[in-house]
PDB file of N, CA and C in Angstrom:
ATOM      1  N   UNK A   1      -9.449   7.760   4.393  1.00  0.00           N
ATOM      2  CA  UNK A   1      -9.529   7.053   3.138  1.00  0.00           C
ATOM      3  C   UNK A   1     -10.116   5.676   3.387  1.00  0.00           C
ATOM      4  N   UNK A   2     -10.870   5.201   2.447  1.00  0.00           N
ATOM      5  CA  UNK A   2     -11.425   3.852   2.533  1.00  0.00           C
ATOM      6  C   UNK A   2     -10.452   2.875   1.890  1.00  0.00           C
ATOM      7  N   UNK A   3     -10.112   1.835   2.649  1.00  0.00           N
ATOM      8  CA  UNK A   3      -9.148   0.827   2.215  1.00  0.00           C
ATOM      9  C   UNK A   3      -9.863  -0.500   2.015  1.00  0.00           C
ATOM     10  N   UNK A   4      -9.430  -1.264   0.998  1.00  0.00           N
ATOM     11  CA  UNK A   4      -9.999  -2.572   0.698  1.00  0.00           C
ATOM     12  C   UNK A   4      -8.904  -3.625   0.710  1.00  0.00           C
ATOM     13  N   UNK A   5      -9.218  -4.776   1.278  1.00  0.00           N
ATOM     14  CA  UNK A   5      -8.267  -5.889   1.415  1.00  0.00           C
ATOM     15  C   UNK A   5      -8.230  -6.705   0.130  1.00  0.00           C
ATOM     16  N   UNK A   6      -6.986  -7.142  -0.221  1.00  0.00           N
ATOM     17  CA  UNK A   6      -6.823  -7.996  -1.390  1.00  0.00           C
ATOM     18  C   UNK A   6      -5.507  -8.758  -1.268  1.00  0.00           C
ATOM     19  N   UNK A   7      -5.542 -10.017  -0.911  1.00  0.00           N
ATOM     20  CA  UNK A   7      -4.377 -10.921  -0.931  1.00  0.00           C
ATOM     21  C   UNK A   7      -3.146 -10.378  -0.204  1.00  0.00           C
ATOM     22  N   UNK A   8      -3.314 -10.016   1.055  1.00  0.00           N
ATOM     23  CA  UNK A   8      -2.175  -9.587   1.852  1.00  0.00           C
ATOM     24  C   UNK A   8      -1.807  -8.124   1.702  1.00  0.00           C
ATOM     25  N   UNK A   9      -2.707  -7.354   1.082  1.00  0.00           N
ATOM     26  CA  UNK A   9      -2.462  -5.922   0.939  1.00  0.00           C
ATOM     27  C   UNK A   9      -3.744  -5.148   1.220  1.00  0.00           C
ATOM     28  N   UNK A  10      -3.591  -3.902   1.600  1.00  0.00           N
ATOM     29  CA  UNK A  10      -4.711  -2.975   1.747  1.00  0.00           C
ATOM     30  C   UNK A  10      -4.536  -1.914   0.662  1.00  0.00           C
ATOM     31  N   UNK A  11      -5.606  -1.616  -0.074  1.00  0.00           N
ATOM     32  CA  UNK A  11      -5.538  -0.696  -1.205  1.00  0.00           C
ATOM     33  C   UNK A  11      -6.549   0.426  -1.030  1.00  0.00           C
ATOM     34  N   UNK A  12      -6.149   1.657  -1.329  1.00  0.00           N
ATOM     35  CA  UNK A  12      -7.072   2.770  -1.416  1.00  0.00           C
ATOM     36  C   UNK A  12      -6.832   3.482  -2.739  1.00  0.00           C
ATOM     37  N   UNK A  13      -7.889   3.781  -3.472  1.00  0.00           N
ATOM     38  CA  UNK A  13      -7.752   4.491  -4.738  1.00  0.00           C
ATOM     39  C   UNK A  13      -7.833   5.982  -4.483  1.00  0.00           C
ATOM     40  N   UNK A  14      -6.977   6.734  -5.165  1.00  0.00           N
ATOM     41  CA  UNK A  14      -6.934   8.180  -5.023  1.00  0.00           C
ATOM     42  C   UNK A  14      -7.889   8.832  -6.015  1.00  0.00           C
ATOM     43  N   UNK A  15      -8.359  10.029  -5.695  1.00  0.00           N
ATOM     44  CA  UNK A  15      -9.287  10.727  -6.588  1.00  0.00           C
ATOM     45  C   UNK A  15      -8.575  11.284  -7.823  1.00  0.00           C
ATOM     46  N   UNK A  16      -7.267  11.474  -7.733  1.00  0.00           N
ATOM     47  CA  UNK A  16      -6.479  11.907  -8.879  1.00  0.00           C
ATOM     48  C   UNK A  16      -5.078  11.337  -8.726  1.00  0.00           C
ATOM     49  N   UNK A  17      -4.371  11.137  -9.850  1.00  0.00           N
ATOM     50  CA  UNK A  17      -3.047  10.519  -9.760  1.00  0.00           C
ATOM     51  C   UNK A  17      -2.023  11.442  -9.114  1.00  0.00           C
ATOM     52  N   UNK A  18      -1.017  10.818  -8.497  1.00  0.00           N
ATOM     53  CA  UNK A  18       0.141  11.557  -8.017  1.00  0.00           C
ATOM     54  C   UNK A  18       1.077  11.778  -9.197  1.00  0.00           C
ATOM     55  N   UNK A  19       1.871  12.814  -9.150  1.00  0.00           N
ATOM     56  CA  UNK A  19       2.891  12.989 -10.176  1.00  0.00           C
ATOM     57  C   UNK A  19       3.894  11.863 -10.005  1.00  0.00           C
ATOM     58  N   UNK A  20       4.192  11.143 -11.058  1.00  0.00           N
ATOM     59  CA  UNK A  20       5.011   9.946 -10.938  1.00  0.00           C
ATOM     60  C   UNK A  20       6.039   9.859 -12.055  1.00  0.00           C
ATOM     61  N   UNK A  21       7.293   9.803 -11.686  1.00  0.00           N
ATOM     62  CA  UNK A  21       8.359   9.627 -12.665  1.00  0.00           C
ATOM     63  C   UNK A  21       9.281   8.473 -12.295  1.00  0.00           C
ATOM     64  N   UNK A  22       8.984   7.729 -11.227  1.00  0.00           N
ATOM     65  CA  UNK A  22       9.851   6.637 -10.794  1.00  0.00           C
ATOM     66  C   UNK A  22      10.909   7.170  -9.846  1.00  0.00           C
ATOM     67  N   UNK A  23      11.925   6.436  -9.524  1.00  0.00           N
ATOM     68  CA  UNK A  23      12.214   5.105 -10.052  1.00  0.00           C
ATOM     69  C   UNK A  23      11.268   4.059  -9.476  1.00  0.00           C
ATOM     70  N   UNK A  24      11.015   3.040 -10.257  1.00  0.00           N
ATOM     71  CA  UNK A  24      10.151   1.955  -9.836  1.00  0.00           C
ATOM     72  C   UNK A  24      10.998   0.855  -9.205  1.00  0.00           C
ATOM     73  N   UNK A  25      10.375   0.039  -8.377  1.00  0.00           N
ATOM     74  CA  UNK A  25      11.102  -1.078  -7.771  1.00  0.00           C
ATOM     75  C   UNK A  25      10.187  -2.280  -7.648  1.00  0.00           C
ATOM     76  N   UNK A  26      10.783  -3.442  -7.514  1.00  0.00           N
ATOM     77  CA  UNK A  26      10.004  -4.680  -7.437  1.00  0.00           C
ATOM     78  C   UNK A  26      10.336  -5.506  -6.211  1.00  0.00           C
ATOM     79  N   UNK A  27      11.160  -5.000  -5.323  1.00  0.00           N
ATOM     80  CA  UNK A  27      11.549  -5.743  -4.121  1.00  0.00           C
ATOM     81  C   UNK A  27      10.589  -5.414  -2.973  1.00  0.00           C
ATOM     82  N   UNK A  28       9.321  -5.775  -3.136  1.00  0.00           N
ATOM     83  CA  UNK A  28       8.288  -5.456  -2.159  1.00  0.00           C
ATOM     84  C   UNK A  28       8.438  -6.336  -0.924  1.00  0.00           C
ATOM     85  N   UNK A  29       8.387  -5.708   0.237  1.00  0.00           N
ATOM     86  CA  UNK A  29       8.495  -6.407   1.515  1.00  0.00           C
ATOM     87  C   UNK A  29       7.268  -6.096   2.365  1.00  0.00           C
ATOM     88  N   UNK A  30       6.888  -7.026   3.241  1.00  0.00           N
ATOM     89  CA  UNK A  30       5.805  -6.756   4.194  1.00  0.00           C
ATOM     90  C   UNK A  30       6.179  -5.526   5.006  1.00  0.00           C
ATOM     91  N   UNK A  31       5.255  -4.582   5.109  1.00  0.00           N
ATOM     92  CA  UNK A  31       5.483  -3.334   5.823  1.00  0.00           C
ATOM     93  C   UNK A  31       5.653  -2.148   4.893  1.00  0.00           C
ATOM     94  N   UNK A  32       5.859  -2.396   3.597  1.00  0.00           N
ATOM     95  CA  UNK A  32       6.037  -1.305   2.642  1.00  0.00           C
ATOM     96  C   UNK A  32       4.717  -0.594   2.353  1.00  0.00           C
ATOM     97  N   UNK A  33       4.815   0.697   2.139  1.00  0.00           N
ATOM     98  CA  UNK A  33       3.714   1.501   1.608  1.00  0.00           C
ATOM     99  C   UNK A  33       4.174   1.941   0.226  1.00  0.00           C
ATOM    100  N   UNK A  34       3.377   1.641  -0.801  1.00  0.00           N
ATOM    101  CA  UNK A  34       3.779   1.930  -2.174  1.00  0.00           C
ATOM    102  C   UNK A  34       2.659   2.641  -2.926  1.00  0.00           C
ATOM    103  N   UNK A  35       3.058   3.365  -3.962  1.00  0.00           N
ATOM    104  CA  UNK A  35       2.118   3.964  -4.904  1.00  0.00           C
ATOM    105  C   UNK A  35       2.109   3.082  -6.136  1.00  0.00           C
ATOM    106  N   UNK A  36       0.919   2.660  -6.570  1.00  0.00           N
ATOM    107  CA  UNK A  36       0.745   1.816  -7.751  1.00  0.00           C
ATOM    108  C   UNK A  36       0.117   2.692  -8.820  1.00  0.00           C
ATOM    109  N   UNK A  37       0.940   3.177  -9.761  1.00  0.00           N
ATOM    110  CA  UNK A  37       0.444   4.192 -10.678  1.00  0.00           C
ATOM    111  C   UNK A  37      -0.576   3.739 -11.709  1.00  0.00           C
ATOM    112  N   UNK A  38      -0.628   2.484 -12.174  1.00  0.00           N
ATOM    113  CA  UNK A  38      -1.682   2.153 -13.145  1.00  0.00           C
ATOM    114  C   UNK A  38      -3.106   2.323 -12.590  1.00  0.00           C
ATOM    115  N   UNK A  39      -3.268   2.193 -11.269  1.00  0.00           N
ATOM    116  CA  UNK A  39      -4.597   2.334 -10.671  1.00  0.00           C
ATOM    117  C   UNK A  39      -4.704   3.570  -9.777  1.00  0.00           C
ATOM    118  N   UNK A  40      -3.671   4.431  -9.796  1.00  0.00           N
ATOM    119  CA  UNK A  40      -3.651   5.604  -8.921  1.00  0.00           C
ATOM    120  C   UNK A  40      -4.063   5.218  -7.501  1.00  0.00           C
ATOM    121  N   UNK A  41      -3.336   4.277  -6.935  1.00  0.00           N
ATOM    122  CA  UNK A  41      -3.689   3.798  -5.596  1.00  0.00           C
ATOM    123  C   UNK A  41      -2.464   3.740  -4.695  1.00  0.00           C
ATOM    124  N   UNK A  42      -2.727   3.855  -3.405  1.00  0.00           N
ATOM    125  CA  UNK A  42      -1.704   3.643  -2.393  1.00  0.00           C
ATOM    126  C   UNK A  42      -1.978   2.275  -1.788  1.00  0.00           C
ATOM    127  N   UNK A  43      -0.925   1.503  -1.600  1.00  0.00           N
ATOM    128  CA  UNK A  43      -1.064   0.139  -1.127  1.00  0.00           C
ATOM    129  C   UNK A  43      -0.166  -0.090   0.082  1.00  0.00           C
ATOM    130  N   UNK A  44      -0.724  -0.712   1.105  1.00  0.00           N
ATOM    131  CA  UNK A  44       0.042  -1.139   2.274  1.00  0.00           C
ATOM    132  C   UNK A  44       0.257  -2.638   2.132  1.00  0.00           C
ATOM    133  N   UNK A  45       1.504  -3.050   2.093  1.00  0.00           N
ATOM    134  CA  UNK A  45       1.841  -4.469   1.993  1.00  0.00           C
ATOM    135  C   UNK A  45       2.030  -4.983   3.419  1.00  0.00           C
ATOM    136  N   UNK A  46       1.146  -5.866   3.889  1.00  0.00           N
ATOM    137  CA  UNK A  46       1.287  -6.358   5.265  1.00  0.00           C
ATOM    138  C   UNK A  46       1.595  -7.849   5.325  1.00  0.00           C
ATOM    139  N   UNK A  47       1.648  -8.509   4.176  1.00  0.00           N
ATOM    140  CA  UNK A  47       1.997  -9.928   4.112  1.00  0.00           C
ATOM    141  C   UNK A  47       2.764 -10.163   2.816  1.00  0.00           C
ATOM    142  N   UNK A  48       3.416 -11.298   2.716  1.00  0.00           N
ATOM    143  CA  UNK A  48       4.162 -11.621   1.501  1.00  0.00           C
ATOM    144  C   UNK A  48       3.221 -11.562   0.297  1.00  0.00           C
ATOM    145  N   UNK A  49       3.667 -10.931  -0.775  1.00  0.00           N
ATOM    146  CA  UNK A  49       2.878 -10.834  -1.997  1.00  0.00           C
ATOM    147  C   UNK A  49       3.821 -10.691  -3.181  1.00  0.00           C
ATOM    148  N   UNK A  50       3.308 -10.906  -4.368  1.00  0.00           N
ATOM    149  CA  UNK A  50       4.128 -10.706  -5.564  1.00  0.00           C
ATOM    150  C   UNK A  50       4.208  -9.211  -5.869  1.00  0.00           C
ATOM    151  N   UNK A  51       5.081  -8.856  -6.791  1.00  0.00           N
ATOM    152  CA  UNK A  51       5.296  -7.457  -7.116  1.00  0.00           C
ATOM    153  C   UNK A  51       5.072  -7.217  -8.599  1.00  0.00           C
ATOM    154  N   UNK A  52       4.909  -5.961  -8.943  1.00  0.00           N
ATOM    155  CA  UNK A  52       4.809  -5.533 -10.334  1.00  0.00           C
ATOM    156  C   UNK A  52       5.821  -4.409 -10.546  1.00  0.00           C
ATOM    157  N   UNK A  53       6.242  -4.147 -11.781  1.00  0.00           N
ATOM    158  CA  UNK A  53       7.303  -3.160 -12.011  1.00  0.00           C
ATOM    159  C   UNK A  53       6.821  -1.707 -12.064  1.00  0.00           C
ATOM    160  N   UNK A  54       5.674  -1.414 -11.508  1.00  0.00           N
ATOM    161  CA  UNK A  54       5.149  -0.046 -11.550  1.00  0.00           C
ATOM    162  C   UNK A  54       4.854   0.481 -10.149  1.00  0.00           C
ATOM    163  N   UNK A  55       5.676   0.104  -9.177  1.00  0.00           N
ATOM    164  CA  UNK A  55       5.504   0.537  -7.795  1.00  0.00           C
ATOM    165  C   UNK A  55       6.553   1.575  -7.431  1.00  0.00           C
ATOM    166  N   UNK A  56       6.128   2.558  -6.670  1.00  0.00           N
ATOM    167  CA  UNK A  56       7.043   3.550  -6.126  1.00  0.00           C
ATOM    168  C   UNK A  56       6.980   3.455  -4.610  1.00  0.00           C
ATOM    169  N   UNK A  57       8.125   3.272  -3.988  1.00  0.00           N
ATOM    170  CA  UNK A  57       8.213   3.170  -2.534  1.00  0.00           C
ATOM    171  C   UNK A  57       7.887   4.520  -1.908  1.00  0.00           C
ATOM    172  N   UNK A  58       6.965   4.524  -0.922  1.00  0.00           N
ATOM    173  CA  UNK A  58       6.569   5.757  -0.249  1.00  0.00           C
ATOM    174  C   UNK A  58       6.957   5.770   1.223  1.00  0.00           C
ATOM    175  N   UNK A  59       7.043   4.606   1.830  1.00  0.00           N
ATOM    176  CA  UNK A  59       7.348   4.560   3.254  1.00  0.00           C
ATOM    177  C   UNK A  59       7.208   3.157   3.787  1.00  0.00           C
ATOM    178  N   UNK A  60       7.256   3.056   5.119  1.00  0.00           N
ATOM    179  CA  UNK A  60       7.244   1.751   5.779  1.00  0.00           C
ATOM    180  C   UNK A  60       6.402   1.814   7.046  1.00  0.00           C
ATOM    181  N   UNK A  61       5.618   0.778   7.293  1.00  0.00           N
ATOM    182  CA  UNK A  61       4.847   0.641   8.525  1.00  0.00           C
ATOM    183  C   UNK A  61       5.826   0.253   9.629  1.00  0.00           C
ATOM    184  N   UNK A  62       5.776   0.961  10.746  1.00  0.00           N
ATOM    185  CA  UNK A  62       6.688   0.660  11.854  1.00  0.00           C
ATOM    186  C   UNK A  62       5.989  -0.032  13.011  1.00  0.00           C
ATOM    187  N   UNK A  63       4.682  -0.152  12.952  1.00  0.00           N
ATOM    188  CA  UNK A  63       3.950  -0.849  14.013  1.00  0.00           C
ATOM    189  C   UNK A  63       3.814  -2.333  13.649  1.00  0.00           C
ATOM    190  N   UNK A  64       3.220  -3.099  14.543  1.00  0.00           N
ATOM    191  CA  UNK A  64       3.065  -4.543  14.372  1.00  0.00           C
ATOM    192  C   UNK A  64       2.146  -4.844  13.186  1.00  0.00           C
ATOM    193  N   UNK A  65       2.656  -5.538  12.175  1.00  0.00           N
ATOM    194  CA  UNK A  65       1.865  -5.865  10.987  1.00  0.00           C
ATOM    195  C   UNK A  65       0.767  -6.871  11.284  1.00  0.00           C
ATOM    196  N   UNK A  66       0.866  -7.612  12.380  1.00  0.00           N
ATOM    197  CA  UNK A  66      -0.183  -8.569  12.744  1.00  0.00           C
ATOM    198  C   UNK A  66      -1.520  -7.874  12.971  1.00  0.00           C
ATOM    199  N   UNK A  67      -1.505  -6.589  13.311  1.00  0.00           N
ATOM    200  CA  UNK A  67      -2.748  -5.845  13.517  1.00  0.00           C
ATOM    201  C   UNK A  67      -3.592  -5.799  12.248  1.00  0.00           C
ATOM    202  N   UNK A  68      -2.971  -5.884  11.075  1.00  0.00           N
ATOM    203  CA  UNK A  68      -3.709  -5.841   9.817  1.00  0.00           C
ATOM    204  C   UNK A  68      -4.514  -7.110   9.574  1.00  0.00           C
ATOM    205  N   UNK A  69      -4.074  -8.224  10.123  1.00  0.00           N
ATOM    206  CA  UNK A  69      -4.741  -9.514   9.895  1.00  0.00           C
ATOM    207  C   UNK A  69      -6.196  -9.518  10.350  1.00  0.00           C
ATOM    208  N   UNK A  70      -6.518  -8.786  11.403  1.00  0.00           N
ATOM    209  CA  UNK A  70      -7.863  -8.816  11.965  1.00  0.00           C
ATOM    210  C   UNK A  70      -8.762  -7.695  11.460  1.00  0.00           C
ATOM    211  N   UNK A  71      -8.279  -6.881  10.532  1.00  0.00           N
ATOM    212  CA  UNK A  71      -9.117  -5.801  10.005  1.00  0.00           C
ATOM    213  C   UNK A  71     -10.217  -6.361   9.118  1.00  0.00           C
ATOM    214  N   UNK A  72     -11.354  -5.680   9.034  1.00  0.00           N
ATOM    215  CA  UNK A  72     -12.398  -6.116   8.102  1.00  0.00           C
ATOM    216  C   UNK A  72     -11.947  -5.905   6.661  1.00  0.00           C
ATOM    217  N   UNK A  73     -12.704  -6.455   5.707  1.00  0.00           N
ATOM    218  CA  UNK A  73     -12.333  -6.348   4.292  1.00  0.00           C
ATOM    219  C   UNK A  73     -12.325  -4.914   3.784  1.00  0.00           C
ATOM    220  N   UNK A  74     -13.144  -4.051   4.362  1.00  0.00           N
ATOM    221  CA  UNK A  74     -13.175  -2.631   4.010  1.00  0.00           C
ATOM    222  C   UNK A  74     -13.134  -1.839   5.309  1.00  0.00           C
ATOM    223  N   UNK A  75     -12.268  -0.819   5.353  1.00  0.00           N
ATOM    224  CA  UNK A  75     -12.101  -0.040   6.567  1.00  0.00           C
ATOM    225  C   UNK A  75     -11.680   1.391   6.218  1.00  0.00           C
ATOM    226  N   UNK A  76     -12.114   2.355   7.008  1.00  0.00           N
ATOM    227  CA  UNK A  76     -11.616   3.720   6.885  1.00  0.00           C
ATOM    228  C   UNK A  76     -10.380   3.833   7.757  1.00  0.00           C
ATOM    229  N   UNK A  77      -9.287   4.332   7.165  1.00  0.00           N
ATOM    230  CA  UNK A  77      -8.021   4.379   7.882  1.00  0.00           C
ATOM    231  C   UNK A  77      -7.260   5.623   7.428  1.00  0.00           C
ATOM    232  N   UNK A  78      -6.473   6.191   8.338  1.00  0.00           N
ATOM    233  CA  UNK A  78      -5.653   7.353   8.032  1.00  0.00           C
ATOM    234  C   UNK A  78      -4.188   6.991   8.227  1.00  0.00           C
ATOM    235  N   UNK A  79      -3.356   7.452   7.297  1.00  0.00           N
ATOM    236  CA  UNK A  79      -1.914   7.281   7.423  1.00  0.00           C
ATOM    237  C   UNK A  79      -1.337   8.598   7.896  1.00  0.00           C
ATOM    238  N   UNK A  80      -0.487   8.525   8.926  1.00  0.00           N
ATOM    239  CA  UNK A  80       0.149   9.717   9.446  1.00  0.00           C
ATOM    240  C   UNK A  80       1.660   9.540   9.441  1.00  0.00           C
ATOM    241  N   UNK A  81       2.336  10.613   9.149  1.00  0.00           N
ATOM    242  CA  UNK A  81       3.789  10.621   9.188  1.00  0.00           C
ATOM    243  C   UNK A  81       4.233  10.958  10.600  1.00  0.00           C
ATOM    244  N   UNK A  82       5.146  10.165  11.158  1.00  0.00           N
ATOM    245  CA  UNK A  82       5.637  10.439  12.514  1.00  0.00           C
ATOM    246  C   UNK A  82       7.114  10.709  12.494  1.00  0.00           C
TER     247      UNK A  82
END
């Protein structure tokens, strides 16, 4: 998937929406992976950022978040479940 940087987050838009019924949460922390349903996107939060009430928690990054700081503005990246 192609990811784009925006204010402490990496975003990738999906070709079609995920089925989404909530629950939604707003306590976003660095390291969270969330689904943002208004834009049908998956977002990796790697730095402090504000939240919106339409996020669904999907998982958490367990590696060093500092690695995200040096990524280019656009990058192809794969998420794997371990």
